[in-house]
Amino acid sequence: MSDPKLTDWLTTAAAALDLPAPSTDECRAVLDLVRDTAHGVCRPAAPLAAYLIGVAVGRGADPDVARVAVAALVRPETR
């Protein structure tokens, strides 16, 4: 991530949740998914998709599998 403010905030937020900070690749994957969801479904769906993936991962789902499953629900022309 090239934005130091974002990197600092993510590091602080992750620490507050007792989690490791997400990698650059993880951030890019989530940001790509929410962008595609916002444009391919509707804007409010973007943070809700991220939330649903987070809940699934919290319940033991593989993060990449959860992300791909939700991405498959976005209109193909937006990917």
C-alpha atoms as a PDB file:
ATOM      1  CA  MET A   1       0.000   0.000   0.000  1.00  0.00           C
ATOM      2  CA  SER A   2       1.413   3.341  -0.943  1.00  0.00           C
ATOM      3  CA  ASP A   3      -0.634   5.502   1.413  1.00  0.00           C
ATOM      4  CA  PRO A   4       1.196   5.754   4.756  1.00  0.00           C
ATOM      5  CA  LYS A   5      -1.944   7.030   6.512  1.00  0.00           C
ATOM      6  CA  LEU A   6      -3.879   3.950   5.373  1.00  0.00           C
ATOM      7  CA  THR A   7      -1.024   1.614   6.294  1.00  0.00           C
ATOM      8  CA  ASP A   8      -0.764   3.152   9.769  1.00  0.00           C
ATOM      9  CA  TRP A   9      -4.515   2.959  10.293  1.00  0.00           C
ATOM     10  CA  LEU A  10      -4.681  -0.686   9.166  1.00  0.00           C
ATOM     11  CA  THR A  11      -1.809  -1.609  11.458  1.00  0.00           C
ATOM     12  CA  THR A  12      -3.510   0.121  14.398  1.00  0.00           C
ATOM     13  CA  ALA A  13      -6.929  -1.375  13.622  1.00  0.00           C
ATOM     14  CA  ALA A  14      -5.464  -4.860  13.248  1.00  0.00           C
ATOM     15  CA  ALA A  15      -3.623  -4.511  16.557  1.00  0.00           C
ATOM     16  CA  ALA A  16      -6.835  -3.350  18.267  1.00  0.00           C
ATOM     17  CA  LEU A  17      -8.469  -6.576  17.062  1.00  0.00           C
ATOM     18  CA  ASP A  18      -5.426  -8.676  18.003  1.00  0.00           C
ATOM     19  CA  LEU A  19      -4.841  -9.549  14.336  1.00  0.00           C
ATOM     20  CA  PRO A  20      -1.834  -9.303  12.063  1.00  0.00           C
ATOM     21  CA  ALA A  21      -1.942  -6.392   9.634  1.00  0.00           C
ATOM     22  CA  PRO A  22      -3.132  -7.464   6.179  1.00  0.00           C
ATOM     23  CA  SER A  23      -0.522  -7.836   3.472  1.00  0.00           C
ATOM     24  CA  THR A  24      -0.437  -5.604   0.426  1.00  0.00           C
ATOM     25  CA  ASP A  25      -1.815  -8.484  -1.668  1.00  0.00           C
ATOM     26  CA  GLU A  26      -4.660  -9.072   0.790  1.00  0.00           C
ATOM     27  CA  CYS A  27      -5.529  -5.383   0.755  1.00  0.00           C
ATOM     28  CA  ARG A  28      -5.485  -5.258  -3.042  1.00  0.00           C
ATOM     29  CA  ALA A  29      -7.742  -8.333  -3.289  1.00  0.00           C
ATOM     30  CA  VAL A  30     -10.311  -6.853  -0.904  1.00  0.00           C
ATOM     31  CA  LEU A  31     -10.193  -3.420  -2.527  1.00  0.00           C
ATOM     32  CA  ASP A  32     -10.631  -4.960  -5.978  1.00  0.00           C
ATOM     33  CA  LEU A  33     -13.598  -6.984  -4.751  1.00  0.00           C
ATOM     34  CA  VAL A  34     -15.357  -4.033  -3.127  1.00  0.00           C
ATOM     35  CA  ARG A  35     -14.717  -1.854  -6.198  1.00  0.00           C
ATOM     36  CA  ASP A  36     -16.205  -4.494  -8.491  1.00  0.00           C
ATOM     37  CA  THR A  37     -19.136  -5.044  -6.125  1.00  0.00           C
ATOM     38  CA  ALA A  38     -19.852  -1.325  -5.855  1.00  0.00           C
ATOM     39  CA  HIS A  39     -19.919  -0.962  -9.635  1.00  0.00           C
ATOM     40  CA  GLY A  40     -21.427  -4.337 -10.509  1.00  0.00           C
ATOM     41  CA  VAL A  41     -24.136  -4.579  -7.859  1.00  0.00           C
ATOM     42  CA  CYS A  42     -24.587  -1.271  -6.021  1.00  0.00           C
ATOM     43  CA  ARG A  43     -22.447   0.886  -3.773  1.00  0.00           C
ATOM     44  CA  PRO A  44     -23.929  -0.255  -0.443  1.00  0.00           C
ATOM     45  CA  ALA A  45     -23.192  -3.874  -1.389  1.00  0.00           C
ATOM     46  CA  ALA A  46     -19.427  -3.228  -1.268  1.00  0.00           C
ATOM     47  CA  PRO A  47     -18.885  -2.869   2.496  1.00  0.00           C
ATOM     48  CA  LEU A  48     -21.566  -5.467   3.159  1.00  0.00           C
ATOM     49  CA  ALA A  49     -19.746  -7.958   0.929  1.00  0.00           C
ATOM     50  CA  ALA A  50     -16.543  -7.304   2.865  1.00  0.00           C
ATOM     51  CA  TYR A  51     -18.449  -7.792   6.117  1.00  0.00           C
ATOM     52  CA  LEU A  52     -19.932 -11.110   4.959  1.00  0.00           C
ATOM     53  CA  ILE A  53     -16.510 -12.349   3.914  1.00  0.00           C
ATOM     54  CA  GLY A  54     -15.129 -11.324   7.303  1.00  0.00           C
ATOM     55  CA  VAL A  55     -17.866 -13.219   9.116  1.00  0.00           C
ATOM     56  CA  ALA A  56     -17.242 -16.288   6.952  1.00  0.00           C
ATOM     57  CA  VAL A  57     -13.501 -16.136   7.615  1.00  0.00           C
ATOM     58  CA  GLY A  58     -14.171 -15.677  11.323  1.00  0.00           C
ATOM     59  CA  ARG A  59     -16.179 -18.892  11.201  1.00  0.00           C
ATOM     60  CA  GLY A  60     -13.297 -20.747   9.593  1.00  0.00           C
ATOM     61  CA  ALA A  61     -13.661 -20.169   5.847  1.00  0.00           C
ATOM     62  CA  ASP A  62     -10.528 -19.749   3.773  1.00  0.00           C
ATOM     63  CA  PRO A  63     -10.233 -16.007   2.946  1.00  0.00           C
ATOM     64  CA  ASP A  64      -9.434 -16.588  -0.723  1.00  0.00           C
ATOM     65  CA  VAL A  65     -12.283 -19.075  -1.163  1.00  0.00           C
ATOM     66  CA  ALA A  66     -14.752 -16.706   0.506  1.00  0.00           C
ATOM     67  CA  ARG A  67     -13.589 -13.777  -1.627  1.00  0.00           C
ATOM     68  CA  VAL A  68     -13.846 -15.778  -4.851  1.00  0.00           C
ATOM     69  CA  ALA A  69     -17.340 -17.024  -3.918  1.00  0.00           C
ATOM     70  CA  VAL A  70     -18.599 -13.473  -3.419  1.00  0.00           C
ATOM     71  CA  ALA A  71     -16.765 -12.172  -6.496  1.00  0.00           C
ATOM     72  CA  ALA A  72     -18.577 -14.791  -8.575  1.00  0.00           C
ATOM     73  CA  LEU A  73     -21.857 -13.076  -7.700  1.00  0.00           C
ATOM     74  CA  VAL A  74     -20.766  -9.779  -9.262  1.00  0.00           C
ATOM     75  CA  ARG A  75     -21.735  -9.129 -12.870  1.00  0.00           C
ATOM     76  CA  PRO A  76     -19.006 -10.588 -15.131  1.00  0.00           C
ATOM     77  CA  GLU A  77     -18.578  -7.405 -17.185  1.00  0.00           C
ATOM     78  CA  THR A  78     -17.245  -5.577 -14.101  1.00  0.00           C
ATOM     79  CA  ARG A  79     -14.395  -8.031 -13.478  1.00  0.00           C
END
